[in-house]
Amino acid sequence: MADRDLVVAESPVGMLVGVALAKGARRLEKSVAMVSAGEDDAIHQVRVSCRRLRSDLKLFRKLLAGDWAPELRADLAALAQACGEARDLEVIAALVRENATSEDNEEHVDTILTTLTLGLDRAAARSAEVVLGETTKDLLTTIESVAAAPDLKPNADRPCGEVLPELLQSATAKFAQEAGKLKPWTPDDDWHEVRLLAKRVRYAADTTAAVLGEGAKATATQAATYQELLGQHQDHCAAADALTGMAADAAAQDDPELSFTLGRLTERHRAARKPLREQFLTLYHRP
C-alpha cells in the first residue's frame, strides 16, 4: 500500500478523497476482470463496485470542485444499470426455486424457471458486452486519472478528524429520518428507499473507518444488518412484481392454470414481506 493511503486524523480530507477513488477504481477493475474470466457473481460485483464509488462521490460531494463528479456518478450509474437486469433475474429465479413447494404444479414451476433462466442468460450476455466494452475502459481510465489529482474545493484542506464525523453523521441522520417513518403498512417503494440509505451509511462508515476507528466500524456493521433485512424485503418485492407480469402474460395467452400457479407464487412472496418488516422495526426501535 502506498504511503498516500496512510490517511490519519490530521491528514487533509482531500487526501482521503483520492485514496477512496483509487481503491474504488481497483475494485471496479478487478470486477471487470472477473467478467472477462467468466467468474460467478462477476456482474453483481461490477454493480457493487459502481455503487460504492457513487456512494463515495456523494459522501464527499461538498468537497469536490467543478462538474466532474456529477458526470462520473452518471457514468457509473449507467454501468450499474446495465448490470441490473441480470442480477435481478438471478435473484428472482433463486427465490422462486427456494419458495416453490410440493403443492405447486411442478411442470408450471419448471416453465417459470426456464423463462427466468433464459431471460437471465440474455441479460447476462448484454451486461458482459457493456462491461467489457470501450466505454467501461474509458471510465476506468477517467477514475484513475481523477483519483491521482481530484479537483477539490479549499475546504478539502481541513483535517479528516474534523470533517469525517460530520459527513458520516449526515448520512446516518438521513437514514434515521426516513427509517423512523416506516410502518408495517408503508408502501414498498419507501422501504426500498430506506434500504438504499442504509447501504449509503454502510459505505460511508467503511470509507471513514480507517480514520474514525471502532465507532465507524460499529456503524458499518449495524447498517449492514439493516441492509440485509431490507435487501431480502426488496428481493421478495421484485419477485412478486416479476411474477405478476408473467401471470398477466399467461392470462393473455389463455393459460389460466399457469396464471394460477404464478398468482400463488406471487402471494407467497408478498406474504414474505410482513415478517421482514416486523423484524426490521423491532431491531431498529430496540432500546
Protein backbone atom coordinates (compact mmCIF):
# COMPACT_ATOMS: atom_id res chain seq x y z
CA MET A 1 0.00 0.00 0.00
CA ALA A 2 1.34 3.38 -0.97
CA ASP A 3 2.20 5.98 1.66
CA ARG A 4 -0.59 8.21 0.41
CA ASP A 5 -3.04 5.52 1.56
CA LEU A 6 -1.95 6.03 5.17
CA VAL A 7 -4.58 8.62 5.99
CA VAL A 8 -4.77 9.76 9.62
CA ALA A 9 -6.95 12.22 11.53
CA GLU A 10 -4.53 15.09 10.85
CA SER A 11 -4.41 14.40 7.09
CA PRO A 12 -6.33 16.77 4.81
CA VAL A 13 -9.65 15.17 3.94
CA GLY A 14 -8.87 15.72 0.27
CA MET A 15 -6.22 13.03 0.61
CA LEU A 16 -8.91 10.52 1.60
CA VAL A 17 -10.95 11.50 -1.45
CA GLY A 18 -8.11 10.43 -3.72
CA VAL A 19 -7.49 7.26 -1.73
CA ALA A 20 -11.15 6.26 -1.80
CA LEU A 21 -11.40 6.84 -5.55
CA ALA A 22 -8.21 4.89 -6.21
CA LYS A 23 -9.49 1.96 -4.15
CA GLY A 24 -12.79 2.14 -5.97
CA ALA A 25 -11.04 2.07 -9.33
CA ARG A 26 -9.07 -1.02 -8.29
CA ARG A 27 -12.24 -2.71 -7.07
CA LEU A 28 -14.05 -1.96 -10.33
CA GLU A 29 -11.08 -3.07 -12.43
CA LYS A 30 -10.97 -6.38 -10.54
CA SER A 31 -14.69 -6.99 -11.05
CA VAL A 32 -14.39 -6.24 -14.78
CA ALA A 33 -11.59 -8.81 -14.96
CA MET A 34 -13.93 -11.29 -13.25
CA VAL A 35 -16.48 -10.75 -16.01
CA SER A 36 -13.78 -11.27 -18.64
CA ALA A 37 -12.84 -14.56 -16.98
CA GLY A 38 -16.47 -15.67 -16.76
CA GLU A 39 -16.40 -15.97 -12.97
CA ASP A 40 -19.52 -16.48 -10.88
CA ASP A 41 -21.12 -13.36 -9.39
CA ALA A 42 -18.94 -11.14 -11.60
CA ILE A 43 -21.75 -8.97 -13.00
CA HIS A 44 -23.02 -8.36 -9.48
CA GLN A 45 -19.56 -7.32 -8.32
CA VAL A 46 -19.36 -4.74 -11.11
CA ARG A 47 -22.69 -3.34 -9.93
CA VAL A 48 -21.48 -3.22 -6.32
CA SER A 49 -18.23 -1.53 -7.34
CA CYS A 50 -20.14 1.17 -9.20
CA ARG A 51 -22.44 1.73 -6.25
CA ARG A 52 -19.57 2.08 -3.80
CA LEU A 53 -17.83 4.62 -5.99
CA ARG A 54 -21.06 6.59 -6.42
CA SER A 55 -21.57 6.49 -2.65
CA ASP A 56 -18.08 7.90 -2.04
CA LEU A 57 -18.67 10.68 -4.56
CA LYS A 58 -21.92 11.55 -2.81
CA LEU A 59 -20.26 11.41 0.62
CA PHE A 60 -17.55 13.87 -0.44
CA ARG A 61 -19.73 15.99 -2.76
CA LYS A 62 -19.32 19.23 -0.76
CA LEU A 63 -15.55 18.93 -1.12
CA LEU A 64 -15.48 18.41 -4.89
CA ALA A 65 -14.98 21.29 -7.32
CA GLY A 66 -16.17 21.51 -10.92
CA ASP A 67 -18.59 19.30 -12.83
CA TRP A 68 -16.53 16.11 -12.98
CA ALA A 69 -18.20 14.37 -10.02
CA PRO A 70 -21.84 14.50 -11.26
CA GLU A 71 -20.69 13.38 -14.69
CA LEU A 72 -18.72 10.50 -13.18
CA ARG A 73 -21.66 9.47 -10.98
CA ALA A 74 -23.91 9.42 -14.06
CA ASP A 75 -21.46 7.21 -15.97
CA LEU A 76 -21.19 4.82 -13.02
CA ALA A 77 -24.99 4.73 -12.70
CA ALA A 78 -25.29 3.79 -16.37
CA LEU A 79 -22.83 0.92 -15.97
CA ALA A 80 -24.59 -0.32 -12.84
CA GLN A 81 -27.94 -0.16 -14.61
CA ALA A 82 -26.55 -2.22 -17.48
CA CYS A 83 -25.80 -4.95 -14.93
CA GLY A 84 -29.11 -4.65 -13.08
CA GLU A 85 -31.45 -6.87 -15.09
CA ALA A 86 -29.16 -9.90 -14.99
CA ARG A 87 -28.68 -9.64 -11.23
CA ASP A 88 -32.39 -9.14 -10.59
CA LEU A 89 -33.38 -12.17 -12.67
CA GLU A 90 -30.74 -14.28 -10.93
CA VAL A 91 -32.17 -13.36 -7.51
CA ILE A 92 -35.77 -13.86 -8.61
CA ALA A 93 -35.07 -17.30 -10.09
CA ALA A 94 -33.32 -18.38 -6.89
CA LEU A 95 -36.25 -17.16 -4.78
CA VAL A 96 -38.82 -18.96 -6.94
CA ARG A 97 -36.78 -22.16 -6.69
CA GLU A 98 -36.48 -21.74 -2.92
CA ASN A 99 -40.13 -20.91 -2.26
CA ALA A 100 -41.85 -23.39 -4.57
CA THR A 101 -43.49 -26.26 -2.66
CA SER A 102 -44.93 -29.69 -3.42
CA GLU A 103 -48.36 -28.03 -3.63
CA ASP A 104 -47.28 -26.16 -6.76
CA ASN A 105 -47.61 -27.70 -10.20
CA GLU A 106 -44.09 -28.98 -10.91
CA GLU A 107 -44.41 -28.53 -14.67
CA HIS A 108 -45.52 -24.95 -14.20
CA VAL A 109 -42.63 -24.20 -11.84
CA ASP A 110 -40.20 -25.66 -14.38
CA THR A 111 -41.73 -23.46 -17.09
CA ILE A 112 -41.40 -20.37 -14.90
CA LEU A 113 -37.79 -21.16 -14.03
CA THR A 114 -36.94 -21.85 -17.67
CA THR A 115 -38.40 -18.49 -18.70
CA LEU A 116 -36.45 -16.69 -15.97
CA THR A 117 -33.22 -18.53 -16.79
CA LEU A 118 -33.47 -17.75 -20.50
CA GLY A 119 -34.05 -14.11 -19.64
CA LEU A 120 -31.08 -14.22 -17.27
CA ASP A 121 -28.78 -15.67 -19.92
CA ARG A 122 -29.73 -12.99 -22.45
CA ALA A 123 -29.43 -10.21 -19.87
CA ALA A 124 -26.05 -11.51 -18.68
CA ALA A 125 -24.73 -11.52 -22.24
CA ARG A 126 -25.87 -7.92 -22.74
CA SER A 127 -24.30 -6.89 -19.43
CA ALA A 128 -20.98 -8.54 -20.26
CA GLU A 129 -20.88 -6.78 -23.63
CA VAL A 130 -21.25 -3.41 -21.89
CA VAL A 131 -18.81 -4.20 -19.08
CA LEU A 132 -16.11 -5.37 -21.49
CA GLY A 133 -16.67 -2.53 -23.96
CA GLU A 134 -14.60 0.54 -24.70
CA THR A 135 -16.87 2.82 -22.66
CA THR A 136 -16.03 0.93 -19.47
CA LYS A 137 -12.31 1.03 -20.29
CA ASP A 138 -12.55 4.78 -20.75
CA LEU A 139 -14.46 5.07 -17.46
CA LEU A 140 -11.71 3.21 -15.59
CA THR A 141 -9.07 5.46 -17.11
CA THR A 142 -11.05 8.53 -16.05
CA ILE A 143 -11.45 7.31 -12.46
CA GLU A 144 -7.76 6.51 -12.15
CA SER A 145 -6.84 9.95 -13.52
CA VAL A 146 -9.25 11.74 -11.22
CA ALA A 147 -8.08 9.75 -8.20
CA ALA A 148 -4.48 10.82 -8.83
CA ALA A 149 -5.39 14.52 -8.69
CA PRO A 150 -9.05 15.23 -7.87
CA ASP A 151 -10.29 18.78 -8.37
CA LEU A 152 -11.17 19.88 -4.84
CA LYS A 153 -12.57 22.92 -3.06
CA PRO A 154 -10.49 24.78 -0.44
CA ASN A 155 -12.41 23.10 2.39
CA ALA A 156 -10.81 19.81 1.37
CA ASP A 157 -7.70 21.05 3.18
CA ARG A 158 -9.45 20.61 6.54
CA PRO A 159 -8.24 17.64 8.61
CA CYS A 160 -10.04 14.32 8.37
CA GLY A 161 -10.63 14.30 12.11
CA GLU A 162 -12.84 17.37 11.78
CA VAL A 163 -14.66 16.64 8.54
CA LEU A 164 -15.37 12.90 8.56
CA PRO A 165 -17.59 12.82 11.67
CA GLU A 166 -19.75 15.49 10.05
CA LEU A 167 -20.03 13.55 6.79
CA LEU A 168 -20.88 10.27 8.49
CA GLN A 169 -23.38 11.95 10.78
CA SER A 170 -25.12 13.48 7.77
CA ALA A 171 -25.58 10.05 6.18
CA THR A 172 -26.80 8.41 9.39
CA ALA A 173 -29.19 11.28 10.15
CA LYS A 174 -30.83 10.97 6.72
CA PHE A 175 -31.25 7.23 7.23
CA ALA A 176 -32.70 7.71 10.71
CA GLN A 177 -35.11 10.37 9.44
CA GLU A 178 -36.60 8.04 6.83
CA ALA A 179 -36.34 4.79 8.80
CA GLY A 180 -38.25 6.39 11.66
CA LYS A 181 -41.24 6.92 9.34
CA LEU A 182 -41.60 3.27 8.37
CA LYS A 183 -44.72 1.39 9.45
CA PRO A 184 -45.85 -2.17 8.67
CA TRP A 185 -48.21 -0.76 6.03
CA THR A 186 -45.75 1.69 4.42
CA PRO A 187 -45.53 1.25 0.60
CA ASP A 188 -42.80 -0.95 -0.86
CA ASP A 189 -41.02 1.97 -2.53
CA ASP A 190 -40.48 3.71 0.83
CA TRP A 191 -38.95 0.57 2.30
CA HIS A 192 -36.68 0.34 -0.72
CA GLU A 193 -35.57 3.95 -0.26
CA VAL A 194 -34.59 3.24 3.36
CA ARG A 195 -32.62 0.22 2.14
CA LEU A 196 -30.63 2.49 -0.18
CA LEU A 197 -29.98 4.89 2.68
CA ALA A 198 -28.78 2.04 4.91
CA LYS A 199 -26.39 1.00 2.15
CA ARG A 200 -25.13 4.58 1.90
CA VAL A 201 -24.46 4.66 5.65
CA ARG A 202 -22.60 1.37 5.45
CA TYR A 203 -20.38 2.52 2.61
CA ALA A 204 -19.76 5.89 4.27
CA ALA A 205 -18.77 4.17 7.51
CA ASP A 206 -16.48 1.76 5.65
CA THR A 207 -14.76 4.65 3.87
CA THR A 208 -14.23 6.67 7.06
CA ALA A 209 -13.39 3.77 9.39
CA ALA A 210 -9.64 3.95 8.74
CA VAL A 211 -9.66 7.34 10.47
CA LEU A 212 -12.68 7.19 12.78
CA GLY A 213 -11.92 3.70 14.09
CA GLU A 214 -14.20 1.41 16.06
CA GLY A 215 -17.18 3.76 16.13
CA ALA A 216 -17.39 3.85 12.34
CA LYS A 217 -16.84 0.09 12.14
CA ALA A 218 -19.75 -0.46 14.52
CA THR A 219 -21.92 1.85 12.43
CA ALA A 220 -20.99 -0.11 9.29
CA THR A 221 -21.87 -3.41 10.97
CA GLN A 222 -25.24 -2.12 12.15
CA ALA A 223 -26.03 -0.64 8.75
CA ALA A 224 -25.09 -3.93 7.07
CA THR A 225 -27.61 -5.74 9.30
CA TYR A 226 -30.35 -3.29 8.31
CA GLN A 227 -29.32 -3.55 4.67
CA GLU A 228 -29.52 -7.35 4.74
CA LEU A 229 -33.07 -7.37 6.11
CA LEU A 230 -34.24 -4.65 3.75
CA GLY A 231 -32.48 -6.35 0.86
CA GLN A 232 -34.41 -9.57 1.49
CA HIS A 233 -37.59 -7.50 1.60
CA GLN A 234 -36.75 -5.85 -1.74
CA ASP A 235 -35.95 -9.22 -3.33
CA HIS A 236 -39.42 -10.52 -2.46
CA CYS A 237 -40.99 -7.31 -3.80
CA ALA A 238 -39.09 -7.69 -7.06
CA ALA A 239 -40.05 -11.36 -7.33
CA ALA A 240 -43.72 -10.56 -6.74
CA ASP A 241 -43.67 -7.83 -9.39
CA ALA A 242 -41.94 -10.06 -11.96
CA LEU A 243 -44.31 -12.96 -11.35
CA THR A 244 -47.31 -10.63 -11.59
CA GLY A 245 -46.13 -9.62 -15.05
CA MET A 246 -45.64 -13.24 -16.06
CA ALA A 247 -49.15 -14.08 -14.78
CA ALA A 248 -50.62 -11.34 -16.96
CA ASP A 249 -48.74 -12.75 -19.96
CA ALA A 250 -50.02 -16.27 -19.20
CA ALA A 251 -53.59 -15.00 -18.93
CA ALA A 252 -53.23 -13.15 -22.23
CA GLN A 253 -52.06 -16.42 -23.83
CA ASP A 254 -55.16 -18.19 -22.46
CA ASP A 255 -53.22 -20.34 -19.96
CA PRO A 256 -55.27 -19.90 -16.75
CA GLU A 257 -53.62 -22.81 -14.94
CA LEU A 258 -50.12 -21.36 -15.34
CA SER A 259 -51.50 -17.96 -14.39
CA PHE A 260 -52.98 -19.51 -11.24
CA THR A 261 -49.60 -21.01 -10.24
CA LEU A 262 -47.91 -17.68 -10.85
CA GLY A 263 -50.54 -15.98 -8.72
CA ARG A 264 -49.91 -18.37 -5.83
CA LEU A 265 -46.19 -17.80 -6.02
CA THR A 266 -46.75 -14.04 -6.16
CA GLU A 267 -48.86 -14.07 -2.99
CA ARG A 268 -46.22 -16.15 -1.24
CA HIS A 269 -43.59 -13.51 -1.94
CA ARG A 270 -45.90 -10.69 -0.91
CA ALA A 271 -46.61 -12.50 2.37
CA ALA A 272 -42.87 -12.85 3.00
CA ARG A 273 -42.63 -9.08 3.38
CA LYS A 274 -44.54 -8.97 6.68
CA PRO A 275 -42.10 -10.87 8.94
CA LEU A 276 -39.15 -8.99 7.43
CA ARG A 277 -40.82 -5.65 8.13
CA GLU A 278 -41.59 -6.70 11.68
CA GLN A 279 -38.03 -7.91 12.20
CA PHE A 280 -36.57 -4.65 10.93
CA LEU A 281 -38.88 -2.46 13.00
CA THR A 282 -38.18 -4.48 16.14
CA LEU A 283 -34.43 -4.25 15.57
CA TYR A 284 -34.45 -0.58 14.63
CA HIS A 285 -36.56 0.54 17.58
CA ARG A 286 -34.81 -1.69 20.09
CA PRO A 287 -33.57 0.40 23.06
